[in-house]
Amino acid sequence: MVPSRVASSDLRVRAWAWYLELSIWSLLLMALSGVYLWLSTRPRHRWARVSLVVGTLVLVGFYWVVR
């Protein structure tokens, strides 16, 4: 849902659309900044690699269950 395309005159619906848009962009930027911080500081630490593998497996597992 793109806030500028919400065809509702209800202010609550438009506010919710803007909130969702902000939430999605915030999540995307937090993920990208996390990857940047990981790559720029400690890419060789074992726990970082383990966290990446576990996180990827969890994401793939969720995708497999929901699909």
N, C-alpha and C. Protein backbone atom coordinates (compact mmCIF):
# COMPACT_ATOMS: atom_id res chain seq x y z
N MET A 1 0.85 -1.17 0.00
CA MET A 1 0.00 0.00 0.00
C MET A 1 0.90 1.23 0.00
N VAL A 2 0.72 2.05 -0.97
CA VAL A 2 1.48 3.29 -1.07
C VAL A 2 0.58 4.41 -0.54
N PRO A 3 1.08 5.18 0.42
CA PRO A 3 0.23 6.21 1.04
C PRO A 3 -0.37 7.20 0.05
N SER A 4 0.36 7.53 -0.98
CA SER A 4 -0.18 8.50 -1.94
C SER A 4 -1.29 7.90 -2.80
N ARG A 5 -1.42 6.58 -2.80
CA ARG A 5 -2.45 5.92 -3.61
C ARG A 5 -3.64 5.44 -2.81
N VAL A 6 -3.67 5.74 -1.53
CA VAL A 6 -4.79 5.34 -0.70
C VAL A 6 -5.98 6.19 -1.06
N ALA A 7 -7.04 5.54 -1.49
CA ALA A 7 -8.22 6.26 -1.97
C ALA A 7 -9.28 6.34 -0.88
N SER A 8 -8.88 6.65 0.32
CA SER A 8 -9.83 6.73 1.42
C SER A 8 -9.84 8.15 1.95
N SER A 9 -11.02 8.59 2.31
CA SER A 9 -11.13 9.93 2.88
C SER A 9 -10.98 9.88 4.40
N ASP A 10 -10.94 8.68 4.96
CA ASP A 10 -10.79 8.52 6.40
C ASP A 10 -9.35 8.81 6.80
N LEU A 11 -9.16 9.73 7.69
CA LEU A 11 -7.83 10.13 8.13
C LEU A 11 -7.10 8.99 8.82
N ARG A 12 -7.83 8.13 9.52
CA ARG A 12 -7.20 7.00 10.21
C ARG A 12 -6.58 6.02 9.23
N VAL A 13 -7.24 5.77 8.12
CA VAL A 13 -6.73 4.85 7.11
C VAL A 13 -5.49 5.44 6.46
N ARG A 14 -5.53 6.71 6.15
CA ARG A 14 -4.36 7.36 5.54
C ARG A 14 -3.17 7.40 6.51
N ALA A 15 -3.45 7.66 7.79
CA ALA A 15 -2.39 7.67 8.79
C ALA A 15 -1.78 6.28 8.94
N TRP A 16 -2.60 5.25 8.91
CA TRP A 16 -2.10 3.89 9.00
C TRP A 16 -1.25 3.55 7.78
N ALA A 17 -1.64 4.00 6.61
CA ALA A 17 -0.86 3.76 5.40
C ALA A 17 0.51 4.43 5.49
N TRP A 18 0.54 5.65 5.99
CA TRP A 18 1.84 6.34 6.16
C TRP A 18 2.69 5.64 7.21
N TYR A 19 2.07 5.16 8.27
CA TYR A 19 2.79 4.44 9.31
C TYR A 19 3.40 3.16 8.75
N LEU A 20 2.66 2.42 7.96
CA LEU A 20 3.18 1.20 7.34
C LEU A 20 4.34 1.50 6.39
N GLU A 21 4.20 2.54 5.62
CA GLU A 21 5.27 2.94 4.70
C GLU A 21 6.55 3.28 5.47
N LEU A 22 6.41 4.06 6.53
CA LEU A 22 7.56 4.41 7.35
C LEU A 22 8.18 3.17 8.00
N SER A 23 7.35 2.25 8.45
CA SER A 23 7.85 1.03 9.08
C SER A 23 8.64 0.18 8.10
N ILE A 24 8.16 0.04 6.89
CA ILE A 24 8.85 -0.76 5.88
C ILE A 24 10.21 -0.14 5.54
N TRP A 25 10.24 1.16 5.33
CA TRP A 25 11.50 1.82 5.02
C TRP A 25 12.47 1.75 6.18
N SER A 26 11.97 1.88 7.41
CA SER A 26 12.83 1.78 8.59
C SER A 26 13.45 0.39 8.69
N LEU A 27 12.65 -0.63 8.49
CA LEU A 27 13.15 -1.99 8.55
C LEU A 27 14.21 -2.24 7.48
N LEU A 28 13.97 -1.76 6.29
CA LEU A 28 14.93 -1.92 5.20
C LEU A 28 16.25 -1.21 5.53
N LEU A 29 16.16 0.02 6.01
CA LEU A 29 17.38 0.77 6.34
C LEU A 29 18.13 0.15 7.52
N MET A 30 17.41 -0.37 8.50
CA MET A 30 18.08 -1.02 9.62
C MET A 30 18.82 -2.28 9.17
N ALA A 31 18.20 -3.06 8.28
CA ALA A 31 18.86 -4.26 7.77
C ALA A 31 20.10 -3.89 6.96
N LEU A 32 19.98 -2.89 6.12
CA LEU A 32 21.14 -2.48 5.31
C LEU A 32 22.26 -1.90 6.18
N SER A 33 21.91 -1.14 7.19
CA SER A 33 22.96 -0.60 8.06
C SER A 33 23.61 -1.71 8.88
N GLY A 34 22.86 -2.73 9.25
CA GLY A 34 23.43 -3.87 9.96
C GLY A 34 24.42 -4.62 9.10
N VAL A 35 24.08 -4.83 7.84
CA VAL A 35 25.00 -5.50 6.92
C VAL A 35 26.25 -4.66 6.72
N TYR A 36 26.08 -3.36 6.57
CA TYR A 36 27.23 -2.47 6.40
C TYR A 36 28.15 -2.52 7.63
N LEU A 37 27.55 -2.43 8.82
CA LEU A 37 28.36 -2.46 10.03
C LEU A 37 29.10 -3.79 10.18
N TRP A 38 28.44 -4.88 9.83
CA TRP A 38 29.07 -6.18 9.91
C TRP A 38 30.24 -6.28 8.94
N LEU A 39 30.03 -5.85 7.71
CA LEU A 39 31.09 -5.95 6.70
C LEU A 39 32.24 -4.99 6.98
N SER A 40 31.96 -3.84 7.58
CA SER A 40 33.01 -2.86 7.80
C SER A 40 33.80 -3.10 9.08
N THR A 41 33.30 -3.93 9.99
CA THR A 41 34.01 -4.09 11.25
C THR A 41 34.52 -5.51 11.50
N ARG A 42 33.65 -6.50 11.47
CA ARG A 42 34.06 -7.83 11.90
C ARG A 42 33.54 -8.95 11.00
N PRO A 43 33.90 -8.96 9.76
CA PRO A 43 33.38 -10.02 8.89
C PRO A 43 34.01 -11.38 9.15
N ARG A 44 35.11 -11.44 9.88
CA ARG A 44 35.79 -12.72 10.08
C ARG A 44 35.47 -13.39 11.42
N HIS A 45 34.67 -12.75 12.25
CA HIS A 45 34.34 -13.36 13.54
C HIS A 45 33.39 -14.53 13.35
N ARG A 46 33.65 -15.60 14.08
CA ARG A 46 32.87 -16.83 13.93
C ARG A 46 31.40 -16.61 14.26
N TRP A 47 31.11 -15.88 15.35
CA TRP A 47 29.72 -15.69 15.74
C TRP A 47 28.94 -14.89 14.70
N ALA A 48 29.61 -14.03 13.97
CA ALA A 48 28.94 -13.27 12.92
C ALA A 48 28.53 -14.19 11.78
N ARG A 49 29.42 -15.09 11.41
CA ARG A 49 29.08 -16.04 10.34
C ARG A 49 27.97 -16.99 10.78
N VAL A 50 28.06 -17.46 12.03
CA VAL A 50 27.02 -18.35 12.55
C VAL A 50 25.68 -17.63 12.58
N SER A 51 25.67 -16.38 13.01
CA SER A 51 24.43 -15.61 13.04
C SER A 51 23.85 -15.43 11.64
N LEU A 52 24.72 -15.18 10.67
CA LEU A 52 24.26 -15.03 9.29
C LEU A 52 23.63 -16.32 8.77
N VAL A 53 24.28 -17.44 9.04
CA VAL A 53 23.76 -18.72 8.56
C VAL A 53 22.45 -19.07 9.26
N VAL A 54 22.39 -18.89 10.57
CA VAL A 54 21.17 -19.20 11.32
C VAL A 54 20.03 -18.28 10.87
N GLY A 55 20.30 -17.00 10.73
CA GLY A 55 19.27 -16.06 10.28
C GLY A 55 18.76 -16.38 8.89
N THR A 56 19.66 -16.76 8.01
CA THR A 56 19.26 -17.12 6.65
C THR A 56 18.41 -18.39 6.67
N LEU A 57 18.82 -19.38 7.46
CA LEU A 57 18.04 -20.62 7.54
C LEU A 57 16.66 -20.39 8.13
N VAL A 58 16.56 -19.52 9.13
CA VAL A 58 15.25 -19.20 9.71
C VAL A 58 14.37 -18.50 8.68
N LEU A 59 14.94 -17.56 7.95
CA LEU A 59 14.18 -16.86 6.92
C LEU A 59 13.69 -17.82 5.83
N VAL A 60 14.56 -18.71 5.39
CA VAL A 60 14.17 -19.69 4.37
C VAL A 60 13.11 -20.63 4.94
N GLY A 61 13.26 -21.00 6.21
CA GLY A 61 12.25 -21.86 6.84
C GLY A 61 10.90 -21.19 6.91
N PHE A 62 10.86 -19.93 7.32
CA PHE A 62 9.60 -19.19 7.34
C PHE A 62 8.99 -19.09 5.94
N TYR A 63 9.83 -18.84 4.96
CA TYR A 63 9.33 -18.74 3.59
C TYR A 63 8.74 -20.06 3.14
N TRP A 64 9.42 -21.15 3.48
CA TRP A 64 8.94 -22.47 3.08
C TRP A 64 7.61 -22.80 3.75
N VAL A 65 7.46 -22.45 5.04
CA VAL A 65 6.22 -22.72 5.75
C VAL A 65 5.07 -21.88 5.21
N VAL A 66 5.33 -20.62 4.93
CA VAL A 66 4.26 -19.71 4.48
C VAL A 66 3.90 -19.95 3.03
N ARG A 67 4.84 -20.34 2.24
CA ARG A 67 4.59 -20.56 0.82
C ARG A 67 3.63 -21.67 0.67
